[in-house]
Amino acid sequence: MNYAYADCFFCGGNVKESKMPRDVWRNGRLLVIEDVPTGVCCQCGEKYVRPEVAKAIDHLLETTQSAPRTIKVDVYALPELEKDAA
């Protein structure tokens, strides 16, 4: 059963629940939690996580010793952009 979200705070669009991955930075490490129930605005794409879901993620990360799998993530650095001449 999906949670009934309020309209989007930013654009007023309809928010529907979808399960999607969520990235979390903890102690300098990027962690990915899959299948997170997330409200997604159908109009602007803004995402919402309910407080109880955020607490469940925190609990999972505090009590789980190791992740069931690991993925490789490429990291890029964007070079400094040139300033426009005024």
N, C-alpha and C. Protein backbone atom coordinates (compact mmCIF):
# COMPACT_ATOMS: atom_id res chain seq x y z
N MET A 1 0.84 -1.19 0.00
CA MET A 1 0.00 0.00 0.00
C MET A 1 0.88 1.25 0.00
N ASN A 2 0.58 2.17 -0.87
CA ASN A 2 1.36 3.39 -0.97
C ASN A 2 0.85 4.44 0.00
N TYR A 3 1.78 5.24 0.49
CA TYR A 3 1.48 6.34 1.40
C TYR A 3 0.86 7.49 0.60
N ALA A 4 -0.08 8.20 1.17
CA ALA A 4 -0.71 9.35 0.51
C ALA A 4 0.07 10.61 0.89
N TYR A 5 0.86 11.11 -0.03
CA TYR A 5 1.68 12.31 0.20
C TYR A 5 0.86 13.57 -0.06
N ALA A 6 1.24 14.65 0.58
CA ALA A 6 0.66 15.96 0.27
C ALA A 6 1.19 16.39 -1.09
N ASP A 7 0.60 17.44 -1.64
CA ASP A 7 1.11 17.98 -2.90
C ASP A 7 2.53 18.50 -2.72
N CYS A 8 3.26 18.61 -3.81
CA CYS A 8 4.65 19.06 -3.79
C CYS A 8 4.77 20.45 -3.18
N PHE A 9 5.69 20.59 -2.26
CA PHE A 9 5.94 21.87 -1.59
C PHE A 9 6.42 22.92 -2.58
N PHE A 10 7.15 22.52 -3.61
CA PHE A 10 7.77 23.47 -4.53
C PHE A 10 6.86 23.91 -5.66
N CYS A 11 6.14 22.95 -6.28
CA CYS A 11 5.36 23.32 -7.46
C CYS A 11 3.87 23.01 -7.32
N GLY A 12 3.48 22.32 -6.25
CA GLY A 12 2.08 21.97 -6.06
C GLY A 12 1.62 20.74 -6.82
N GLY A 13 2.56 20.06 -7.48
CA GLY A 13 2.22 18.88 -8.27
C GLY A 13 1.84 17.68 -7.40
N ASN A 14 1.30 16.68 -8.05
CA ASN A 14 0.89 15.44 -7.39
C ASN A 14 2.13 14.60 -7.06
N VAL A 15 2.21 14.08 -5.84
CA VAL A 15 3.35 13.27 -5.40
C VAL A 15 2.91 11.82 -5.28
N LYS A 16 3.58 10.94 -5.99
CA LYS A 16 3.28 9.50 -5.98
C LYS A 16 4.48 8.76 -5.41
N GLU A 17 4.19 7.66 -4.71
CA GLU A 17 5.27 6.87 -4.11
C GLU A 17 5.85 5.89 -5.12
N SER A 18 7.16 5.77 -5.07
CA SER A 18 7.90 4.84 -5.92
C SER A 18 9.06 4.29 -5.11
N LYS A 19 9.47 3.06 -5.38
CA LYS A 19 10.66 2.52 -4.72
C LYS A 19 11.87 2.82 -5.60
N MET A 20 12.88 3.44 -4.99
CA MET A 20 14.06 3.82 -5.75
C MET A 20 15.29 3.78 -4.85
N PRO A 21 16.48 3.76 -5.46
CA PRO A 21 17.70 3.80 -4.64
C PRO A 21 17.90 5.18 -4.03
N ARG A 22 18.54 5.20 -2.87
CA ARG A 22 18.86 6.46 -2.18
C ARG A 22 20.33 6.42 -1.81
N ASP A 23 21.06 7.47 -2.14
CA ASP A 23 22.48 7.52 -1.77
C ASP A 23 22.62 8.32 -0.48
N VAL A 24 23.50 7.83 0.37
CA VAL A 24 23.74 8.43 1.68
C VAL A 24 25.25 8.52 1.88
N TRP A 25 25.73 9.69 2.29
CA TRP A 25 27.14 9.84 2.64
C TRP A 25 27.25 9.68 4.15
N ARG A 26 28.09 8.75 4.59
CA ARG A 26 28.28 8.53 6.02
C ARG A 26 29.76 8.26 6.27
N ASN A 27 30.36 9.07 7.14
CA ASN A 27 31.78 8.94 7.47
C ASN A 27 32.67 8.94 6.22
N GLY A 28 32.32 9.83 5.28
CA GLY A 28 33.12 9.97 4.07
C GLY A 28 32.94 8.86 3.05
N ARG A 29 31.96 8.00 3.26
CA ARG A 29 31.71 6.90 2.33
C ARG A 29 30.34 7.04 1.69
N LEU A 30 30.27 6.74 0.41
CA LEU A 30 29.00 6.75 -0.30
C LEU A 30 28.35 5.38 -0.13
N LEU A 31 27.12 5.37 0.41
CA LEU A 31 26.37 4.15 0.59
C LEU A 31 25.09 4.25 -0.22
N VAL A 32 24.64 3.14 -0.79
CA VAL A 32 23.41 3.12 -1.58
C VAL A 32 22.43 2.16 -0.93
N ILE A 33 21.23 2.65 -0.66
CA ILE A 33 20.17 1.83 -0.11
C ILE A 33 19.14 1.65 -1.22
N GLU A 34 18.82 0.40 -1.54
CA GLU A 34 17.89 0.11 -2.62
C GLU A 34 16.46 0.00 -2.10
N ASP A 35 15.51 0.17 -3.00
CA ASP A 35 14.08 -0.04 -2.73
C ASP A 35 13.53 0.84 -1.61
N VAL A 36 13.96 2.10 -1.59
CA VAL A 36 13.49 3.04 -0.57
C VAL A 36 12.16 3.65 -1.04
N PRO A 37 11.09 3.52 -0.23
CA PRO A 37 9.83 4.17 -0.59
C PRO A 37 10.02 5.69 -0.59
N THR A 38 9.83 6.29 -1.75
CA THR A 38 10.12 7.71 -1.93
C THR A 38 8.96 8.38 -2.65
N GLY A 39 8.51 9.51 -2.14
CA GLY A 39 7.51 10.29 -2.85
C GLY A 39 8.19 11.10 -3.94
N VAL A 40 7.67 11.02 -5.16
CA VAL A 40 8.26 11.73 -6.29
C VAL A 40 7.18 12.60 -6.93
N CYS A 41 7.46 13.89 -7.07
CA CYS A 41 6.52 14.80 -7.70
C CYS A 41 6.42 14.48 -9.19
N CYS A 42 5.21 14.29 -9.66
CA CYS A 42 4.98 13.96 -11.07
C CYS A 42 5.25 15.15 -11.99
N GLN A 43 5.30 16.35 -11.43
CA GLN A 43 5.48 17.56 -12.23
C GLN A 43 6.94 18.01 -12.28
N CYS A 44 7.59 18.14 -11.12
CA CYS A 44 8.96 18.69 -11.11
C CYS A 44 10.03 17.67 -10.72
N GLY A 45 9.61 16.50 -10.21
CA GLY A 45 10.57 15.45 -9.87
C GLY A 45 11.17 15.55 -8.47
N GLU A 46 10.74 16.53 -7.67
CA GLU A 46 11.24 16.65 -6.30
C GLU A 46 10.95 15.36 -5.55
N LYS A 47 11.89 14.95 -4.68
CA LYS A 47 11.75 13.69 -3.95
C LYS A 47 11.55 13.94 -2.46
N TYR A 48 10.74 13.09 -1.84
CA TYR A 48 10.42 13.20 -0.42
C TYR A 48 10.58 11.83 0.24
N VAL A 49 11.24 11.82 1.40
CA VAL A 49 11.37 10.60 2.20
C VAL A 49 10.68 10.87 3.53
N ARG A 50 9.74 10.02 3.90
CA ARG A 50 9.02 10.17 5.16
C ARG A 50 9.96 9.97 6.34
N PRO A 51 9.70 10.62 7.48
CA PRO A 51 10.58 10.51 8.64
C PRO A 51 10.80 9.06 9.10
N GLU A 52 9.76 8.24 9.07
CA GLU A 52 9.93 6.86 9.52
C GLU A 52 10.82 6.05 8.56
N VAL A 53 10.82 6.42 7.29
CA VAL A 53 11.71 5.76 6.33
C VAL A 53 13.15 6.20 6.59
N ALA A 54 13.36 7.49 6.85
CA ALA A 54 14.70 7.99 7.16
C ALA A 54 15.24 7.32 8.42
N LYS A 55 14.38 7.15 9.43
CA LYS A 55 14.80 6.47 10.67
C LYS A 55 15.14 5.01 10.40
N ALA A 56 14.38 4.36 9.54
CA ALA A 56 14.65 2.95 9.19
C ALA A 56 15.99 2.83 8.47
N ILE A 57 16.32 3.81 7.61
CA ILE A 57 17.62 3.81 6.93
C ILE A 57 18.73 3.98 7.96
N ASP A 58 18.59 4.93 8.87
CA ASP A 58 19.60 5.13 9.92
C ASP A 58 19.78 3.86 10.74
N HIS A 59 18.68 3.22 11.12
CA HIS A 59 18.76 1.99 11.91
C HIS A 59 19.48 0.88 11.13
N LEU A 60 19.15 0.75 9.85
CA LEU A 60 19.81 -0.25 9.01
C LEU A 60 21.32 -0.03 8.98
N LEU A 61 21.73 1.22 8.80
CA LEU A 61 23.16 1.52 8.69
C LEU A 61 23.88 1.39 10.03
N GLU A 62 23.18 1.62 11.13
CA GLU A 62 23.79 1.50 12.46
C GLU A 62 23.91 0.06 12.92
N THR A 63 23.03 -0.82 12.45
CA THR A 63 22.99 -2.18 12.98
C THR A 63 23.54 -3.24 12.02
N THR A 64 23.74 -2.90 10.77
CA THR A 64 24.24 -3.87 9.79
C THR A 64 25.75 -3.79 9.72
N GLN A 65 26.41 -4.93 9.86
CA GLN A 65 27.87 -4.98 9.88
C GLN A 65 28.48 -4.75 8.50
N SER A 66 27.91 -5.37 7.46
CA SER A 66 28.47 -5.19 6.12
C SER A 66 27.35 -5.25 5.09
N ALA A 67 27.57 -4.58 3.99
CA ALA A 67 26.58 -4.55 2.91
C ALA A 67 26.56 -5.90 2.20
N PRO A 68 25.40 -6.31 1.71
CA PRO A 68 25.32 -7.59 1.02
C PRO A 68 26.07 -7.62 -0.31
N ARG A 69 26.30 -6.45 -0.88
CA ARG A 69 27.09 -6.39 -2.12
C ARG A 69 27.75 -5.03 -2.24
N THR A 70 28.70 -4.93 -3.12
CA THR A 70 29.46 -3.70 -3.34
C THR A 70 29.46 -3.39 -4.83
N ILE A 71 29.40 -2.09 -5.17
CA ILE A 71 29.49 -1.67 -6.57
C ILE A 71 30.67 -0.72 -6.71
N LYS A 72 31.17 -0.60 -7.93
CA LYS A 72 32.25 0.33 -8.23
C LYS A 72 31.63 1.65 -8.71
N VAL A 73 32.15 2.77 -8.21
CA VAL A 73 31.63 4.09 -8.59
C VAL A 73 32.77 4.92 -9.16
N ASP A 74 32.58 5.44 -10.37
CA ASP A 74 33.56 6.33 -10.97
C ASP A 74 33.40 7.73 -10.39
N VAL A 75 34.51 8.42 -10.18
CA VAL A 75 34.50 9.76 -9.61
C VAL A 75 35.22 10.71 -10.57
N TYR A 76 34.58 11.80 -10.90
CA TYR A 76 35.14 12.81 -11.79
C TYR A 76 35.28 14.13 -11.06
N ALA A 77 36.23 14.94 -11.49
CA ALA A 77 36.38 16.29 -10.97
C ALA A 77 36.13 17.26 -12.12
N LEU A 78 35.26 18.21 -11.91
CA LEU A 78 34.96 19.21 -12.93
C LEU A 78 36.02 20.29 -12.88
N PRO A 79 36.69 20.55 -14.01
CA PRO A 79 37.68 21.62 -14.00
C PRO A 79 37.00 22.97 -13.76
N GLU A 80 37.76 23.90 -13.20
CA GLU A 80 37.21 25.22 -12.92
C GLU A 80 36.80 25.88 -14.23
N LEU A 81 35.60 26.48 -14.23
CA LEU A 81 35.08 27.12 -15.43
C LEU A 81 35.69 28.51 -15.58
N GLU A 82 35.86 28.92 -16.83
CA GLU A 82 36.38 30.26 -17.08
C GLU A 82 35.31 31.28 -16.72
N LYS A 83 35.75 32.38 -16.14
CA LYS A 83 34.83 33.46 -15.79
C LYS A 83 34.51 34.26 -17.05
N ASP A 84 33.24 34.67 -17.16
CA ASP A 84 32.82 35.47 -18.31
C ASP A 84 33.50 36.85 -18.24
N ALA A 85 33.96 37.32 -19.37
CA ALA A 85 34.53 38.68 -19.42
C ALA A 85 33.37 39.67 -19.47
N ALA A 86 33.34 40.61 -18.53
CA ALA A 86 32.22 41.55 -18.47
C ALA A 86 32.45 42.78 -19.27
